[in-house]
């Protein structure tokens, strides 16, 4: 009766020994603990100012968690927890840890410890000045604010386009917000806005003035052209060289008039070639000359159609020659 019980007890002991002798993944447990501690201090290092990247405890938790995960990947007893399955839980947690640290760009603060410490010192001096001089912060804290502003600009230039550590960036943004929003000390910005408004107003007035000047010039030009056209139409209605000579009953005056008319007709025929080469002003002069000759030959027929003389100058000249010959024959009789 005792032998079966002994055998059963030995079997149980062997099973317990085999289970206890199985290697345990210690790094997995430590990785989860460090990650949990890092998450527990987030609420104290993100508000009201983000300071996770410059917190020594947070830096230690992050580095230790990353170290334990790297050990897990190299340990044989931990590989079964990192087997690629549909949901790789521990790898997902590790990615979330890196995403949190990378989004804040904490490596920029860790890699430039001296510059980060100097900025925090200058920023702390401004904050102390704000608390001590709440009513006169614009005057009392201006030197401290200008120093931290200048140092932050140097840090931005030194990064060469790389993102700034969020601890430094958030601290500077809140300092600027208090300086301009809470204490309304941004006088340089106000002056620049006034200057910008003045320049913009002057720039907008330039096109308006230009169009106004061009409108006045156009109006004066149209008025000048209208006056010239009026003067030219007046000159055309009263032809130059027209004289009203009283009609005398003597034969000598009529002969002289006929002779002068014939001479003028001959001169007109000599100048006919010149008239044909000129299409504008010369044609008008010949038409006016023909009309004058007709009026001189027949002073009583002053109602002759002037437009007909302009259209057919050669016909008027022929008619004038016939009229002059008729007058001469009547004088001989």
Protein backbone atom coordinates (compact mmCIF):
# COMPACT_ATOMS: atom_id res chain seq x y z
CA UNK A 1 0.00 0.00 0.00
CA UNK A 2 2.85 2.27 0.67
CA UNK A 3 4.58 1.76 -2.67
CA UNK A 4 1.85 3.39 -4.85
CA UNK A 5 1.72 6.40 -2.58
CA UNK A 6 5.43 6.75 -2.70
CA UNK A 7 5.42 6.55 -6.45
CA UNK A 8 2.69 9.20 -6.67
CA UNK A 9 4.57 11.57 -4.40
CA UNK A 10 7.75 11.10 -6.41
CA UNK A 11 5.86 11.87 -9.63
CA UNK A 12 4.40 15.07 -8.19
CA UNK A 13 7.82 16.18 -6.99
CA UNK A 14 9.30 15.55 -10.42
CA UNK A 15 6.62 17.62 -12.10
CA UNK A 16 7.15 20.50 -9.69
CA UNK A 17 10.88 20.30 -10.24
CA UNK A 18 10.49 20.31 -14.01
CA UNK A 19 8.20 23.35 -13.91
CA UNK A 20 10.45 25.27 -11.53
CA UNK A 21 13.50 24.51 -13.61
CA UNK A 22 11.97 26.08 -16.76
CA UNK A 23 13.75 29.41 -17.48
CA UNK A 24 11.71 32.56 -16.84
CA UNK A 25 11.85 35.75 -19.04
CA UNK A 26 12.82 38.25 -16.37
CA UNK A 27 13.40 41.11 -18.84
CA UNK A 28 9.78 40.99 -19.96
CA UNK A 29 8.57 41.65 -16.46
CA UNK A 30 11.11 44.46 -15.94
CA UNK A 31 10.25 46.04 -19.30
CA UNK A 32 6.57 46.24 -18.39
CA UNK A 33 7.34 47.66 -14.93
CA UNK A 34 9.57 50.46 -16.29
CA UNK A 35 7.02 51.32 -18.94
CA UNK A 36 4.29 51.47 -16.29
CA UNK A 37 6.37 53.80 -14.10
CA UNK A 38 7.06 56.09 -17.06
CA UNK A 39 3.34 56.37 -17.79
CA UNK A 40 2.60 57.10 -14.13
CA UNK A 41 4.70 60.29 -14.10
CA UNK A 42 3.31 61.75 -17.35
CA UNK A 43 0.59 63.72 -15.60
CA UNK A 44 3.17 65.57 -13.49
CA UNK A 45 5.54 66.35 -16.38
CA UNK A 46 3.23 67.46 -19.18
CA UNK A 47 1.17 70.22 -17.57
CA UNK A 48 1.23 73.14 -17.12
CA UNK A 49 4.63 73.04 -18.86
CA UNK A 50 5.96 70.04 -20.76
CA UNK A 51 9.15 68.86 -19.02
CA UNK A 52 9.27 65.12 -19.66
CA UNK A 53 12.44 65.22 -21.75
CA UNK A 54 14.41 67.10 -19.08
CA UNK A 55 13.15 65.02 -16.14
CA UNK A 56 15.95 62.72 -14.95
CA UNK A 57 13.56 60.10 -13.60
CA UNK A 58 11.64 59.92 -16.89
CA UNK A 59 14.90 59.60 -18.82
CA UNK A 60 16.01 56.72 -16.59
CA UNK A 61 12.69 54.89 -16.94
CA UNK A 62 12.79 55.21 -20.71
CA UNK A 63 16.38 54.03 -21.06
CA UNK A 64 15.81 51.06 -18.72
CA UNK A 65 12.66 50.00 -20.54
CA UNK A 66 14.42 50.10 -23.91
CA UNK A 67 17.34 48.12 -22.48
CA UNK A 68 15.11 45.36 -21.10
CA UNK A 69 13.28 45.04 -24.39
CA UNK A 70 16.56 44.69 -26.27
CA UNK A 71 17.54 41.92 -23.81
CA UNK A 72 14.25 40.18 -24.51
CA UNK A 73 14.99 39.99 -28.21
CA UNK A 74 18.35 38.31 -27.52
CA UNK A 75 17.25 35.89 -24.75
CA UNK A 76 16.10 32.41 -25.75
CA UNK A 77 13.66 32.14 -22.88
CA UNK A 78 11.89 35.32 -24.08
CA UNK A 79 11.61 34.55 -27.77
CA UNK A 80 8.32 32.74 -27.33
CA UNK A 81 6.78 36.04 -26.23
CA UNK A 82 8.02 37.79 -29.38
CA UNK A 83 6.80 35.23 -31.88
CA UNK A 84 5.15 36.97 -34.81
CA UNK A 85 1.44 36.44 -34.47
CA UNK A 86 -1.62 38.37 -35.51
CA UNK A 87 -1.29 40.68 -32.52
CA UNK A 88 2.27 41.10 -31.24
CA UNK A 89 1.41 42.72 -27.93
CA UNK A 90 4.85 43.45 -26.51
CA UNK A 91 6.22 44.81 -29.76
CA UNK A 92 3.20 47.13 -29.95
CA UNK A 93 3.91 48.44 -26.45
CA UNK A 94 7.53 49.07 -27.38
CA UNK A 95 6.47 51.02 -30.49
CA UNK A 96 4.13 53.18 -28.39
CA UNK A 97 6.97 53.96 -26.01
CA UNK A 98 9.23 55.08 -28.87
CA UNK A 99 6.41 57.09 -30.46
CA UNK A 100 5.86 58.98 -27.21
CA UNK A 101 9.55 59.75 -26.84
CA UNK A 102 10.06 60.61 -30.50
CA UNK A 103 7.03 62.90 -30.77
CA UNK A 104 8.46 65.10 -28.03
CA UNK A 105 11.87 64.96 -29.76
CA UNK A 106 13.50 64.34 -26.41
CA UNK A 107 16.79 63.30 -27.96
CA UNK A 108 17.38 66.95 -28.92
CA UNK A 109 17.44 67.89 -25.23
CA UNK A 110 19.49 64.86 -24.21
CA UNK A 111 22.03 65.42 -26.96
CA UNK A 112 22.54 69.09 -26.05
CA UNK A 113 22.59 69.05 -22.27
CA UNK A 114 24.56 72.27 -21.75
CA UNK A 115 22.46 74.36 -24.15
CA UNK A 116 19.24 72.99 -22.68
CA UNK A 117 20.38 73.75 -19.12
CA UNK A 118 21.35 77.31 -20.07
CA UNK A 119 17.99 77.92 -21.71
CA UNK A 120 16.16 76.59 -18.66
CA UNK A 121 18.18 78.91 -16.44
CA UNK A 122 17.34 81.98 -18.55
CA UNK A 123 13.69 80.97 -18.79
CA UNK A 124 13.52 80.46 -15.02
CA UNK A 125 14.95 83.95 -14.48
CA UNK A 126 12.18 85.45 -16.61
CA UNK A 127 9.50 83.53 -14.72
CA UNK A 128 10.86 84.72 -11.38
CA UNK A 129 10.91 88.30 -12.67
CA UNK A 130 7.28 88.00 -13.77
CA UNK A 131 6.26 86.81 -10.32
CA UNK A 132 8.21 89.56 -8.55
CA UNK A 133 7.11 92.41 -10.85
CA UNK A 134 3.58 91.64 -11.83
CA UNK A 135 2.54 95.28 -12.33
CA UNK A 136 5.74 96.48 -14.03
CA UNK A 137 6.84 93.37 -15.88
CA UNK A 138 7.30 95.15 -19.22
CA UNK A 139 9.95 97.47 -17.78
CA UNK A 140 11.58 95.31 -15.13
CA UNK A 141 11.72 92.03 -17.04
CA UNK A 142 12.58 93.31 -20.48
CA UNK A 143 16.36 92.57 -20.23
CA UNK A 144 15.72 88.99 -19.05
CA UNK A 145 13.12 88.42 -21.75
CA UNK A 146 15.41 89.73 -24.51
CA UNK A 147 18.23 87.43 -23.33
CA UNK A 148 16.12 84.28 -23.40
CA UNK A 149 14.61 85.34 -26.74
CA UNK A 150 18.05 85.80 -28.27
CA UNK A 151 19.35 82.50 -26.89
CA UNK A 152 16.33 80.63 -28.25
CA UNK A 153 16.99 82.12 -31.68
CA UNK A 154 20.55 80.82 -31.54
CA UNK A 155 19.28 77.35 -30.66
CA UNK A 156 16.92 77.39 -33.64
CA UNK A 157 19.73 78.35 -36.00
CA UNK A 158 21.98 75.64 -34.58
CA UNK A 159 19.37 72.96 -35.22
CA UNK A 160 19.52 73.60 -39.01
CA UNK A 161 15.88 72.75 -39.65
CA UNK A 162 15.70 69.87 -37.15
CA UNK A 163 12.81 70.04 -34.70
CA UNK A 164 13.44 71.58 -31.32
CA UNK A 165 13.04 69.62 -28.10
CA UNK A 166 9.45 70.04 -26.95
CA UNK A 167 10.48 70.99 -23.43
CA UNK A 168 12.37 74.03 -24.76
CA UNK A 169 9.75 74.89 -27.38
CA UNK A 170 6.81 74.72 -24.99
CA UNK A 171 8.65 76.76 -22.35
CA UNK A 172 9.47 79.50 -24.87
CA UNK A 173 5.93 79.58 -26.25
CA UNK A 174 4.44 80.07 -22.79
CA UNK A 175 6.98 82.79 -21.96
CA UNK A 176 6.05 84.67 -25.15
CA UNK A 177 2.36 84.23 -24.40
CA UNK A 178 2.73 85.78 -20.98
CA UNK A 179 4.88 88.61 -22.33
CA UNK A 180 2.50 89.61 -25.12
CA UNK A 181 -0.88 88.28 -23.99
CA UNK A 182 -0.89 88.64 -20.24
CA UNK A 183 1.30 91.73 -19.80
CA UNK A 184 0.79 93.23 -23.29
CA UNK A 185 4.45 94.14 -23.60
CA UNK A 186 4.80 93.50 -27.35
CA UNK A 187 5.40 97.18 -28.26
CA UNK A 188 7.67 96.37 -31.19
CA UNK A 189 4.90 94.35 -32.79
CA UNK A 190 2.44 97.21 -32.34
CA UNK A 191 4.81 99.68 -33.99
CA UNK A 192 5.43 97.28 -36.83
CA UNK A 193 1.71 96.86 -37.40
CA UNK A 194 1.22 100.64 -37.53
CA UNK A 195 4.07 100.96 -40.02
CA UNK A 196 2.67 98.14 -42.10
CA UNK A 197 -0.78 99.75 -42.16
CA UNK A 198 0.66 103.09 -43.24
CA UNK A 199 2.72 101.57 -46.03
CA UNK A 200 -0.22 99.48 -47.22
CA UNK A 201 -2.49 102.56 -47.32
CA UNK A 202 0.02 104.55 -49.36
CA UNK A 203 0.51 101.62 -51.74
CA UNK A 204 -3.25 101.38 -52.27
CA UNK A 205 -3.51 105.11 -53.02
CA UNK A 206 -0.94 104.97 -55.83
CA UNK A 207 -3.17 103.12 -58.35
CA UNK A 208 -6.12 105.39 -57.50
CA UNK A 209 -4.03 108.51 -58.10
CA UNK A 210 -2.67 107.07 -61.34
CA UNK A 211 -6.13 106.35 -62.75
CA UNK A 212 -7.37 109.79 -61.69
CA UNK A 213 -4.49 111.54 -63.48
CA UNK A 214 -5.02 109.44 -66.60
CA UNK A 215 -8.73 110.30 -66.59
CA UNK A 216 -7.98 114.04 -66.39
CA UNK A 217 -5.44 113.79 -69.20
CA UNK A 218 -7.93 111.93 -71.38
CA UNK A 219 -10.65 114.53 -70.72
CA UNK A 220 -8.33 117.42 -71.62
CA UNK A 221 -7.17 115.63 -74.76
CA UNK A 222 -10.76 115.07 -75.89
CA UNK A 223 -11.61 118.73 -75.22
CA UNK A 224 -8.58 119.87 -77.26
CA UNK A 225 -9.52 117.61 -80.18
CA UNK A 226 -13.10 118.88 -80.09
CA UNK A 227 -11.96 122.51 -80.23
CA UNK A 228 -9.67 121.75 -83.18
CA UNK A 229 -12.49 120.02 -85.05
CA UNK A 230 -14.79 122.98 -84.40
CA UNK A 231 -12.18 125.42 -85.73
CA UNK A 232 -11.62 123.32 -88.87
CA UNK A 233 -15.36 123.09 -89.59
CA UNK A 234 -15.64 126.90 -89.24
CA UNK A 235 -12.80 127.41 -91.72
CA UNK A 236 -14.46 125.04 -94.21
CA UNK A 237 -17.81 126.93 -94.04
CA UNK A 238 -16.11 130.29 -94.90
CA UNK A 239 -13.54 129.56 -97.63
CA UNK A 240 -10.40 131.66 -97.56
CA UNK A 241 -9.92 134.12 -100.39
CA UNK A 242 -13.67 134.72 -100.89
CA UNK A 243 -14.44 138.41 -101.49
CA UNK A 244 -17.73 140.09 -102.39
CA UNK A 245 -17.05 142.53 -105.18
CA UNK A 246 -19.91 144.84 -106.22
CA UNK A 247 -21.14 144.11 -109.72
CA UNK A 248 -20.39 146.96 -112.15
CA UNK A 249 -22.06 147.54 -115.47
CA UNK A 250 -18.81 148.29 -117.37
CA UNK A 251 -17.56 146.02 -120.07
CA UNK A 252 -13.97 146.39 -118.94
CA UNK A 253 -14.64 144.98 -115.43
CA UNK A 254 -16.45 141.99 -116.90
CA UNK A 255 -13.64 141.36 -119.38
CA UNK A 256 -11.11 141.54 -116.60
CA UNK A 257 -13.16 139.11 -114.54
CA UNK A 258 -13.44 136.73 -117.48
CA UNK A 259 -9.73 136.98 -118.22
CA UNK A 260 -8.85 136.35 -114.61
CA UNK A 261 -11.28 133.40 -114.50
CA UNK A 262 -9.69 131.89 -117.63
CA UNK A 263 -6.23 132.42 -116.20
CA UNK A 264 -7.22 130.77 -112.96
CA UNK A 265 -8.71 127.84 -114.84
CA UNK A 266 -5.48 127.42 -116.80
CA UNK A 267 -3.49 127.53 -113.59
CA UNK A 268 -5.82 124.94 -112.12
CA UNK A 269 -5.29 122.67 -115.16
CA UNK A 270 -1.50 123.03 -114.79
CA UNK A 271 -1.75 121.97 -111.17
CA UNK A 272 -4.07 119.07 -111.95
CA UNK A 273 -1.21 116.53 -111.83
CA UNK A 274 -0.21 117.72 -108.39
CA UNK A 275 -3.80 117.56 -107.20
CA UNK A 276 -4.19 113.94 -108.32
CA UNK A 277 -1.07 112.83 -106.34
CA UNK A 278 -2.36 114.33 -103.12
CA UNK A 279 -5.46 112.57 -101.70
CA UNK A 280 -6.29 114.58 -98.66
CA UNK A 281 -5.69 118.24 -98.16
CA UNK A 282 -4.76 119.11 -101.84
CA UNK A 283 -8.07 117.74 -103.16
CA UNK A 284 -9.96 119.93 -100.73
CA UNK A 285 -7.97 122.99 -101.80
CA UNK A 286 -8.77 122.33 -105.50
CA UNK A 287 -12.43 121.86 -104.69
CA UNK A 288 -12.48 125.15 -102.76
CA UNK A 289 -10.68 126.91 -105.65
CA UNK A 290 -13.21 125.57 -108.16
CA UNK A 291 -16.09 126.70 -105.98
CA UNK A 292 -14.57 130.19 -105.73
CA UNK A 293 -14.18 130.41 -109.52
CA UNK A 294 -17.82 129.46 -110.02
CA UNK A 295 -18.91 132.10 -107.52
CA UNK A 296 -16.77 134.75 -109.21
CA UNK A 297 -18.14 133.92 -112.67
CA UNK A 298 -21.77 133.80 -111.51
CA UNK A 299 -22.20 135.92 -108.41
CA UNK A 300 -25.96 135.60 -108.76
CA UNK A 301 -25.81 131.78 -108.68
CA UNK A 302 -24.36 131.48 -105.20
CA UNK A 303 -26.74 128.66 -104.41
CA UNK A 304 -24.73 126.17 -106.60
CA UNK A 305 -24.31 122.91 -104.85
CA UNK A 306 -20.88 122.99 -103.23
CA UNK A 307 -20.81 119.18 -102.67
CA UNK A 308 -21.29 118.59 -106.43
CA UNK A 309 -18.21 120.70 -107.12
CA UNK A 310 -16.17 118.66 -104.68
CA UNK A 311 -17.19 115.32 -106.26
CA UNK A 312 -16.43 116.30 -109.90
CA UNK A 313 -13.83 119.09 -110.12
CA UNK A 314 -13.08 118.37 -113.80
CA UNK A 315 -16.75 118.74 -114.73
CA UNK A 316 -16.96 122.11 -112.96
CA UNK A 317 -13.82 123.33 -114.75
CA UNK A 318 -15.30 122.37 -118.17
CA UNK A 319 -18.54 124.09 -117.30
CA UNK A 320 -16.64 127.18 -116.24
CA UNK A 321 -14.77 127.29 -119.58
CA UNK A 322 -18.02 127.05 -121.52
CA UNK A 323 -19.57 129.82 -119.45
CA UNK A 324 -16.55 132.08 -119.92
CA UNK A 325 -16.60 131.60 -123.72
CA UNK A 326 -20.32 132.41 -123.79
CA UNK A 327 -19.71 135.61 -121.88
CA UNK A 328 -16.95 136.64 -124.28
CA UNK A 329 -19.19 136.05 -127.33
CA UNK A 330 -21.95 138.12 -125.76
CA UNK A 331 -19.51 140.93 -125.18
CA UNK A 332 -18.40 140.90 -128.83
CA UNK A 333 -21.96 141.12 -130.02
